[in-house]
Amino acid sequence: MAPFKEILAAAAAALLVAGCATPLGSRDFRSYEVGAEQTVRFGVVESVREVTLQPRESGLGAASGAVIGSIAGSHLGRGSGEVVGAIGGALLGGIIGQQVERDANQRAGLEVTVLLDSGRYIAVVQGADEAFRAGERVRVLTGRGTTRVTH
């Protein structure tokens, strides 16, 4: 019964890690951006395209999957079969864990192309936390290496 508890605990840890996606929308700010000056430009939305945001993988999904897989695989045989099962379980679990992390952290995003009042075009990719339509007036905020489009 103890291996089942280990597997359950590792699975719970993997799910917690998978839910740690970084917000990337127009309303999301990192702590170092608080109080920092931003440049504000104005313009008109030219086009909006839906995109998928893929955050960096932390490796924790693959590691958690490998641990779970090796524990589960080690219970498949006796003697050298346990070792083979553990290795196979770790490989398969790592692959599955990596995919679970990738799928859990994937987010909907937008590529917003804006014609600035200066006549210059820019495109900004950000989380889909605001809806934009072609022809809308928008603000473009830039500061600390981040640019976002907002109403």
N, C-alpha and C. Protein backbone atom coordinates (compact mmCIF):
# COMPACT_ATOMS: atom_id res chain seq x y z
N MET A 1 0.81 -1.20 0.00
CA MET A 1 0.00 0.00 0.00
C MET A 1 0.86 1.27 0.00
N ALA A 2 2.07 1.21 0.55
CA ALA A 2 2.96 2.37 0.61
C ALA A 2 3.31 2.89 -0.79
N PRO A 3 3.62 2.02 -1.80
CA PRO A 3 3.92 2.55 -3.13
C PRO A 3 2.75 3.33 -3.72
N PHE A 4 1.51 2.92 -3.44
CA PHE A 4 0.35 3.64 -3.95
C PHE A 4 0.33 5.06 -3.40
N LYS A 5 0.65 5.22 -2.11
CA LYS A 5 0.68 6.55 -1.50
C LYS A 5 1.79 7.40 -2.12
N GLU A 6 2.93 6.78 -2.43
CA GLU A 6 4.03 7.51 -3.08
C GLU A 6 3.61 7.99 -4.46
N ILE A 7 2.96 7.11 -5.20
CA ILE A 7 2.49 7.48 -6.54
C ILE A 7 1.47 8.60 -6.47
N LEU A 8 0.55 8.50 -5.53
CA LEU A 8 -0.47 9.53 -5.36
C LEU A 8 0.15 10.87 -4.99
N ALA A 9 1.13 10.86 -4.10
CA ALA A 9 1.80 12.10 -3.70
C ALA A 9 2.57 12.71 -4.87
N ALA A 10 3.26 11.89 -5.65
CA ALA A 10 4.00 12.39 -6.81
C ALA A 10 3.05 12.94 -7.86
N ALA A 11 1.91 12.28 -8.06
CA ALA A 11 0.92 12.77 -9.04
C ALA A 11 0.37 14.12 -8.60
N ALA A 12 0.09 14.27 -7.31
CA ALA A 12 -0.42 15.54 -6.80
C ALA A 12 0.62 16.65 -6.99
N ALA A 13 1.89 16.35 -6.76
CA ALA A 13 2.95 17.34 -6.96
C ALA A 13 3.05 17.74 -8.43
N ALA A 14 2.91 16.77 -9.33
CA ALA A 14 2.97 17.06 -10.76
C ALA A 14 1.83 17.97 -11.18
N LEU A 15 0.64 17.74 -10.65
CA LEU A 15 -0.49 18.60 -11.00
C LEU A 15 -0.31 20.01 -10.47
N LEU A 16 0.25 20.15 -9.28
CA LEU A 16 0.51 21.48 -8.74
C LEU A 16 1.51 22.24 -9.59
N VAL A 17 2.56 21.55 -10.01
CA VAL A 17 3.58 22.18 -10.86
C VAL A 17 2.97 22.57 -12.19
N ALA A 18 2.14 21.72 -12.74
CA ALA A 18 1.55 21.98 -14.05
C ALA A 18 0.66 23.22 -14.02
N GLY A 19 0.11 23.56 -12.87
CA GLY A 19 -0.77 24.71 -12.77
C GLY A 19 -0.04 26.02 -12.53
N CYS A 20 1.28 26.05 -12.66
CA CYS A 20 2.06 27.24 -12.35
C CYS A 20 2.41 28.05 -13.59
N ALA A 21 1.53 28.15 -14.55
CA ALA A 21 1.79 28.91 -15.77
C ALA A 21 1.89 30.39 -15.44
N THR A 22 2.78 31.09 -16.09
CA THR A 22 2.98 32.51 -15.87
C THR A 22 1.93 33.30 -16.64
N PRO A 23 1.17 34.21 -15.98
CA PRO A 23 0.20 35.04 -16.70
C PRO A 23 0.91 35.97 -17.66
N LEU A 24 0.35 36.17 -18.82
CA LEU A 24 0.99 36.99 -19.84
C LEU A 24 0.03 37.98 -20.49
N GLY A 25 -1.04 38.32 -19.83
CA GLY A 25 -2.05 39.19 -20.42
C GLY A 25 -1.77 40.66 -20.22
N SER A 26 -2.67 41.50 -20.73
CA SER A 26 -2.50 42.94 -20.66
C SER A 26 -2.68 43.47 -19.24
N ARG A 27 -3.30 42.68 -18.37
CA ARG A 27 -3.55 43.11 -17.00
C ARG A 27 -2.60 42.47 -16.00
N ASP A 28 -1.65 41.68 -16.48
CA ASP A 28 -0.73 40.95 -15.61
C ASP A 28 0.60 41.67 -15.53
N PHE A 29 1.03 41.97 -14.33
CA PHE A 29 2.29 42.66 -14.11
C PHE A 29 3.16 41.86 -13.16
N ARG A 30 4.46 41.86 -13.40
CA ARG A 30 5.40 41.22 -12.49
C ARG A 30 5.75 42.21 -11.39
N SER A 31 6.19 41.73 -10.25
CA SER A 31 6.43 42.61 -9.11
C SER A 31 7.46 43.69 -9.42
N TYR A 32 8.46 43.41 -10.25
CA TYR A 32 9.48 44.42 -10.56
C TYR A 32 8.94 45.52 -11.47
N GLU A 33 7.74 45.34 -12.05
CA GLU A 33 7.16 46.37 -12.90
C GLU A 33 6.35 47.40 -12.12
N VAL A 34 6.02 47.07 -10.87
CA VAL A 34 5.23 47.97 -10.04
C VAL A 34 6.04 49.23 -9.76
N GLY A 35 5.43 50.37 -10.06
CA GLY A 35 6.09 51.64 -9.82
C GLY A 35 7.06 52.05 -10.92
N ALA A 36 7.29 51.19 -11.89
CA ALA A 36 8.19 51.53 -12.99
C ALA A 36 7.44 52.35 -14.04
N GLU A 37 8.12 53.34 -14.58
CA GLU A 37 7.52 54.18 -15.60
C GLU A 37 7.35 53.41 -16.90
N GLN A 38 6.23 53.67 -17.58
CA GLN A 38 5.97 53.06 -18.88
C GLN A 38 5.69 54.16 -19.89
N THR A 39 6.09 53.91 -21.12
CA THR A 39 5.77 54.81 -22.21
C THR A 39 4.40 54.44 -22.73
N VAL A 40 3.56 55.45 -22.97
CA VAL A 40 2.21 55.20 -23.47
C VAL A 40 2.10 55.79 -24.87
N ARG A 41 1.70 54.93 -25.80
CA ARG A 41 1.44 55.37 -27.18
C ARG A 41 0.00 54.99 -27.51
N PHE A 42 -0.56 55.68 -28.49
CA PHE A 42 -1.94 55.41 -28.89
C PHE A 42 -1.98 55.00 -30.35
N GLY A 43 -3.00 54.22 -30.68
CA GLY A 43 -3.14 53.79 -32.06
C GLY A 43 -4.47 53.10 -32.30
N VAL A 44 -4.57 52.46 -33.46
CA VAL A 44 -5.79 51.79 -33.88
C VAL A 44 -5.45 50.34 -34.21
N VAL A 45 -6.28 49.42 -33.74
CA VAL A 45 -6.07 48.00 -34.04
C VAL A 45 -6.30 47.77 -35.52
N GLU A 46 -5.31 47.20 -36.18
CA GLU A 46 -5.42 46.84 -37.60
C GLU A 46 -5.94 45.42 -37.77
N SER A 47 -5.43 44.49 -36.95
CA SER A 47 -5.87 43.10 -37.03
C SER A 47 -5.60 42.38 -35.73
N VAL A 48 -6.33 41.29 -35.53
CA VAL A 48 -6.17 40.45 -34.34
C VAL A 48 -6.15 39.01 -34.81
N ARG A 49 -5.17 38.27 -34.30
CA ARG A 49 -5.05 36.86 -34.68
C ARG A 49 -4.89 36.03 -33.41
N GLU A 50 -5.66 34.94 -33.31
CA GLU A 50 -5.54 34.05 -32.16
C GLU A 50 -4.27 33.23 -32.29
N VAL A 51 -3.53 33.09 -31.18
CA VAL A 51 -2.30 32.30 -31.14
C VAL A 51 -2.32 31.44 -29.88
N THR A 52 -1.40 30.50 -29.78
CA THR A 52 -1.25 29.67 -28.60
C THR A 52 0.07 30.03 -27.93
N LEU A 53 0.01 30.32 -26.63
CA LEU A 53 1.21 30.67 -25.87
C LEU A 53 1.76 29.41 -25.23
N GLN A 54 3.03 29.14 -25.47
CA GLN A 54 3.72 27.98 -24.92
C GLN A 54 4.79 28.48 -23.94
N PRO A 55 4.50 28.46 -22.64
CA PRO A 55 5.53 28.87 -21.67
C PRO A 55 6.71 27.91 -21.68
N ARG A 56 7.84 28.37 -21.17
CA ARG A 56 9.01 27.50 -21.04
C ARG A 56 8.66 26.32 -20.16
N GLU A 57 9.19 25.17 -20.52
CA GLU A 57 8.96 23.99 -19.70
C GLU A 57 9.98 23.98 -18.57
N SER A 58 9.51 23.71 -17.37
CA SER A 58 10.38 23.72 -16.20
C SER A 58 11.15 22.42 -16.04
N GLY A 59 10.66 21.36 -16.67
CA GLY A 59 11.27 20.05 -16.49
C GLY A 59 10.68 19.28 -15.33
N LEU A 60 9.88 19.95 -14.52
CA LEU A 60 9.29 19.29 -13.37
C LEU A 60 8.22 18.27 -13.77
N GLY A 61 7.52 18.52 -14.87
CA GLY A 61 6.54 17.55 -15.34
C GLY A 61 7.22 16.25 -15.73
N ALA A 62 8.33 16.36 -16.48
CA ALA A 62 9.07 15.17 -16.89
C ALA A 62 9.67 14.46 -15.68
N ALA A 63 10.23 15.23 -14.74
CA ALA A 63 10.84 14.62 -13.56
C ALA A 63 9.80 13.92 -12.70
N SER A 64 8.66 14.58 -12.48
CA SER A 64 7.59 13.97 -11.69
C SER A 64 7.08 12.71 -12.36
N GLY A 65 6.89 12.79 -13.69
CA GLY A 65 6.43 11.62 -14.43
C GLY A 65 7.42 10.47 -14.35
N ALA A 66 8.71 10.79 -14.40
CA ALA A 66 9.73 9.75 -14.32
C ALA A 66 9.71 9.06 -12.96
N VAL A 67 9.54 9.86 -11.90
CA VAL A 67 9.48 9.28 -10.55
C VAL A 67 8.25 8.38 -10.43
N ILE A 68 7.12 8.88 -10.84
CA ILE A 68 5.88 8.08 -10.77
C ILE A 68 6.02 6.82 -11.60
N GLY A 69 6.55 6.96 -12.82
CA GLY A 69 6.72 5.81 -13.70
C GLY A 69 7.68 4.78 -13.16
N SER A 70 8.77 5.24 -12.56
CA SER A 70 9.74 4.27 -12.03
C SER A 70 9.18 3.51 -10.83
N ILE A 71 8.42 4.20 -9.99
CA ILE A 71 7.79 3.53 -8.85
C ILE A 71 6.78 2.51 -9.34
N ALA A 72 5.93 2.94 -10.28
CA ALA A 72 4.92 2.01 -10.81
C ALA A 72 5.59 0.85 -11.55
N GLY A 73 6.60 1.14 -12.38
CA GLY A 73 7.27 0.11 -13.16
C GLY A 73 8.03 -0.89 -12.33
N SER A 74 8.54 -0.47 -11.19
CA SER A 74 9.32 -1.38 -10.34
C SER A 74 8.45 -2.47 -9.72
N HIS A 75 7.16 -2.30 -9.74
CA HIS A 75 6.25 -3.30 -9.17
C HIS A 75 5.77 -4.31 -10.20
N LEU A 76 6.31 -4.25 -11.42
CA LEU A 76 5.86 -5.15 -12.49
C LEU A 76 6.52 -6.52 -12.44
N GLY A 77 7.70 -6.61 -11.91
CA GLY A 77 8.40 -7.89 -11.94
C GLY A 77 9.12 -8.18 -10.64
N ARG A 78 9.87 -9.27 -10.67
CA ARG A 78 10.68 -9.66 -9.51
C ARG A 78 12.13 -9.72 -9.96
N GLY A 79 13.04 -9.45 -9.04
CA GLY A 79 14.46 -9.53 -9.36
C GLY A 79 14.85 -8.50 -10.41
N SER A 80 15.49 -8.96 -11.49
CA SER A 80 15.93 -8.03 -12.54
C SER A 80 14.74 -7.43 -13.29
N GLY A 81 13.59 -8.08 -13.23
CA GLY A 81 12.38 -7.52 -13.85
C GLY A 81 11.95 -6.21 -13.21
N GLU A 82 12.22 -6.08 -11.91
CA GLU A 82 11.91 -4.84 -11.21
C GLU A 82 12.74 -3.69 -11.77
N VAL A 83 14.02 -3.96 -12.02
CA VAL A 83 14.92 -2.93 -12.54
C VAL A 83 14.48 -2.51 -13.94
N VAL A 84 14.21 -3.50 -14.79
CA VAL A 84 13.77 -3.21 -16.16
C VAL A 84 12.45 -2.44 -16.13
N GLY A 85 11.53 -2.86 -15.26
CA GLY A 85 10.25 -2.17 -15.13
C GLY A 85 10.42 -0.74 -14.65
N ALA A 86 11.33 -0.54 -13.71
CA ALA A 86 11.58 0.80 -13.19
C ALA A 86 12.17 1.71 -14.26
N ILE A 87 13.10 1.19 -15.04
CA ILE A 87 13.72 1.99 -16.11
C ILE A 87 12.69 2.32 -17.19
N GLY A 88 11.95 1.31 -17.61
CA GLY A 88 10.92 1.55 -18.63
C GLY A 88 9.85 2.49 -18.13
N GLY A 89 9.45 2.32 -16.86
CA GLY A 89 8.45 3.21 -16.28
C GLY A 89 8.94 4.64 -16.18
N ALA A 90 10.22 4.80 -15.84
CA ALA A 90 10.79 6.15 -15.74
C ALA A 90 10.81 6.84 -17.10
N LEU A 91 11.20 6.11 -18.14
CA LEU A 91 11.24 6.69 -19.49
C LEU A 91 9.84 7.09 -19.95
N LEU A 92 8.91 6.15 -19.84
CA LEU A 92 7.55 6.42 -20.28
C LEU A 92 6.90 7.50 -19.43
N GLY A 93 7.10 7.43 -18.12
CA GLY A 93 6.54 8.44 -17.22
C GLY A 93 7.09 9.83 -17.49
N GLY A 94 8.40 9.91 -17.81
CA GLY A 94 9.01 11.20 -18.14
C GLY A 94 8.41 11.83 -19.38
N ILE A 95 8.19 11.00 -20.39
CA ILE A 95 7.59 11.50 -21.64
C ILE A 95 6.16 11.98 -21.39
N ILE A 96 5.39 11.18 -20.67
CA ILE A 96 4.00 11.55 -20.37
C ILE A 96 3.96 12.79 -19.48
N GLY A 97 4.81 12.85 -18.46
CA GLY A 97 4.85 14.00 -17.56
C GLY A 97 5.19 15.30 -18.28
N GLN A 98 6.12 15.22 -19.24
CA GLN A 98 6.49 16.40 -20.02
C GLN A 98 5.29 16.90 -20.84
N GLN A 99 4.56 15.98 -21.44
CA GLN A 99 3.39 16.35 -22.23
C GLN A 99 2.27 16.92 -21.36
N VAL A 100 2.09 16.36 -20.16
CA VAL A 100 1.07 16.87 -19.24
C VAL A 100 1.41 18.31 -18.85
N GLU A 101 2.68 18.56 -18.53
CA GLU A 101 3.09 19.93 -18.17
C GLU A 101 2.87 20.88 -19.34
N ARG A 102 3.24 20.48 -20.54
CA ARG A 102 3.08 21.32 -21.73
C ARG A 102 1.61 21.65 -21.95
N ASP A 103 0.74 20.64 -21.89
CA ASP A 103 -0.69 20.85 -22.13
C ASP A 103 -1.33 21.70 -21.04
N ALA A 104 -0.91 21.49 -19.79
CA ALA A 104 -1.51 22.23 -18.67
C ALA A 104 -1.13 23.70 -18.69
N ASN A 105 0.05 24.04 -19.19
CA ASN A 105 0.52 25.42 -19.16
C ASN A 105 0.24 26.20 -20.44
N GLN A 106 -0.25 25.53 -21.46
CA GLN A 106 -0.57 26.19 -22.73
C GLN A 106 -1.75 27.14 -22.51
N ARG A 107 -1.67 28.34 -23.09
CA ARG A 107 -2.72 29.34 -22.92
C ARG A 107 -3.10 29.96 -24.26
N ALA A 108 -4.32 30.45 -24.31
CA ALA A 108 -4.77 31.18 -25.49
C ALA A 108 -4.14 32.57 -25.47
N GLY A 109 -3.76 33.05 -26.64
CA GLY A 109 -3.17 34.37 -26.75
C GLY A 109 -3.66 35.08 -27.99
N LEU A 110 -3.24 36.33 -28.13
CA LEU A 110 -3.60 37.15 -29.28
C LEU A 110 -2.35 37.84 -29.83
N GLU A 111 -2.30 37.94 -31.14
CA GLU A 111 -1.32 38.79 -31.79
C GLU A 111 -2.12 40.00 -32.28
N VAL A 112 -1.84 41.16 -31.67
CA VAL A 112 -2.58 42.38 -31.99
C VAL A 112 -1.67 43.29 -32.81
N THR A 113 -2.07 43.58 -34.03
CA THR A 113 -1.31 44.50 -34.88
C THR A 113 -1.95 45.88 -34.76
N VAL A 114 -1.12 46.88 -34.42
CA VAL A 114 -1.61 48.22 -34.15
C VAL A 114 -0.91 49.21 -35.08
N LEU A 115 -1.71 50.11 -35.68
CA LEU A 115 -1.16 51.25 -36.42
C LEU A 115 -1.10 52.41 -35.43
N LEU A 116 0.12 52.74 -35.00
CA LEU A 116 0.30 53.81 -34.03
C LEU A 116 -0.02 55.16 -34.67
N ASP A 117 -0.35 56.13 -33.86
CA ASP A 117 -0.63 57.48 -34.36
C ASP A 117 0.57 58.06 -35.09
N SER A 118 1.76 57.58 -34.80
CA SER A 118 2.97 58.04 -35.47
C SER A 118 3.08 57.51 -36.90
N GLY A 119 2.20 56.56 -37.28
CA GLY A 119 2.24 55.97 -38.61
C GLY A 119 3.00 54.65 -38.66
N ARG A 120 3.59 54.26 -37.56
CA ARG A 120 4.36 53.02 -37.48
C ARG A 120 3.46 51.86 -37.08
N TYR A 121 3.69 50.68 -37.68
CA TYR A 121 2.97 49.47 -37.31
C TYR A 121 3.78 48.68 -36.29
N ILE A 122 3.08 48.11 -35.30
CA ILE A 122 3.71 47.17 -34.37
C ILE A 122 2.76 45.98 -34.19
N ALA A 123 3.31 44.86 -33.80
CA ALA A 123 2.51 43.69 -33.45
C ALA A 123 2.93 43.24 -32.06
N VAL A 124 1.96 42.97 -31.20
CA VAL A 124 2.22 42.56 -29.83
C VAL A 124 1.49 41.24 -29.58
N VAL A 125 2.22 40.27 -29.04
CA VAL A 125 1.62 38.99 -28.65
C VAL A 125 1.45 39.01 -27.14
N GLN A 126 0.23 38.69 -26.69
CA GLN A 126 -0.05 38.70 -25.26
C GLN A 126 -1.19 37.73 -24.96
N GLY A 127 -1.44 37.49 -23.67
CA GLY A 127 -2.54 36.64 -23.26
C GLY A 127 -3.86 37.22 -23.71
N ALA A 128 -4.84 36.35 -23.90
CA ALA A 128 -6.15 36.76 -24.43
C ALA A 128 -7.09 37.15 -23.30
N ASP A 129 -6.69 38.13 -22.48
CA ASP A 129 -7.55 38.55 -21.38
C ASP A 129 -8.41 39.75 -21.73
N GLU A 130 -8.22 40.33 -22.90
CA GLU A 130 -9.06 41.42 -23.40
C GLU A 130 -9.40 41.12 -24.85
N ALA A 131 -10.60 41.48 -25.27
CA ALA A 131 -11.01 41.29 -26.66
C ALA A 131 -10.70 42.57 -27.44
N PHE A 132 -10.18 42.42 -28.64
CA PHE A 132 -9.87 43.55 -29.50
C PHE A 132 -10.53 43.34 -30.86
N ARG A 133 -10.95 44.45 -31.49
CA ARG A 133 -11.52 44.40 -32.83
C ARG A 133 -10.81 45.42 -33.71
N ALA A 134 -10.69 45.09 -34.97
CA ALA A 134 -10.08 46.02 -35.93
C ALA A 134 -10.83 47.34 -35.88
N GLY A 135 -10.09 48.45 -35.89
CA GLY A 135 -10.67 49.78 -35.87
C GLY A 135 -10.77 50.40 -34.48
N GLU A 136 -10.56 49.62 -33.43
CA GLU A 136 -10.64 50.15 -32.06
C GLU A 136 -9.41 50.99 -31.72
N ARG A 137 -9.64 52.06 -30.96
CA ARG A 137 -8.52 52.84 -30.42
C ARG A 137 -7.99 52.11 -29.20
N VAL A 138 -6.67 52.03 -29.09
CA VAL A 138 -6.05 51.33 -27.98
C VAL A 138 -4.85 52.11 -27.47
N ARG A 139 -4.41 51.71 -26.26
CA ARG A 139 -3.18 52.22 -25.68
C ARG A 139 -2.13 51.12 -25.79
N VAL A 140 -0.91 51.50 -26.06
CA VAL A 140 0.20 50.56 -26.09
C VAL A 140 1.17 50.98 -24.99
N LEU A 141 1.34 50.11 -24.00
CA LEU A 141 2.20 50.41 -22.85
C LEU A 141 3.51 49.66 -23.01
N THR A 142 4.63 50.37 -22.88
CA THR A 142 5.94 49.75 -23.01
C THR A 142 6.82 50.18 -21.84
N GLY A 143 7.47 49.19 -21.24
CA GLY A 143 8.39 49.49 -20.15
C GLY A 143 9.00 48.21 -19.60
N ARG A 144 10.25 48.28 -19.17
CA ARG A 144 10.94 47.14 -18.57
C ARG A 144 10.94 45.93 -19.47
N GLY A 145 11.06 46.15 -20.77
CA GLY A 145 11.15 45.04 -21.71
C GLY A 145 9.84 44.38 -22.05
N THR A 146 8.73 44.96 -21.62
CA THR A 146 7.41 44.38 -21.87
C THR A 146 6.54 45.41 -22.59
N THR A 147 5.82 44.95 -23.59
CA THR A 147 4.84 45.79 -24.29
C THR A 147 3.51 45.07 -24.25
N ARG A 148 2.44 45.84 -23.97
CA ARG A 148 1.10 45.27 -23.93
C ARG A 148 0.12 46.25 -24.55
N VAL A 149 -0.94 45.70 -25.10
CA VAL A 149 -2.01 46.51 -25.70
C VAL A 149 -3.21 46.44 -24.76
N THR A 150 -3.83 47.58 -24.52
CA THR A 150 -5.01 47.62 -23.63
C THR A 150 -5.96 48.72 -24.09
N HIS A 151 -7.15 48.68 -23.55
CA HIS A 151 -8.16 49.71 -23.88
C HIS A 151 -7.98 50.91 -22.98
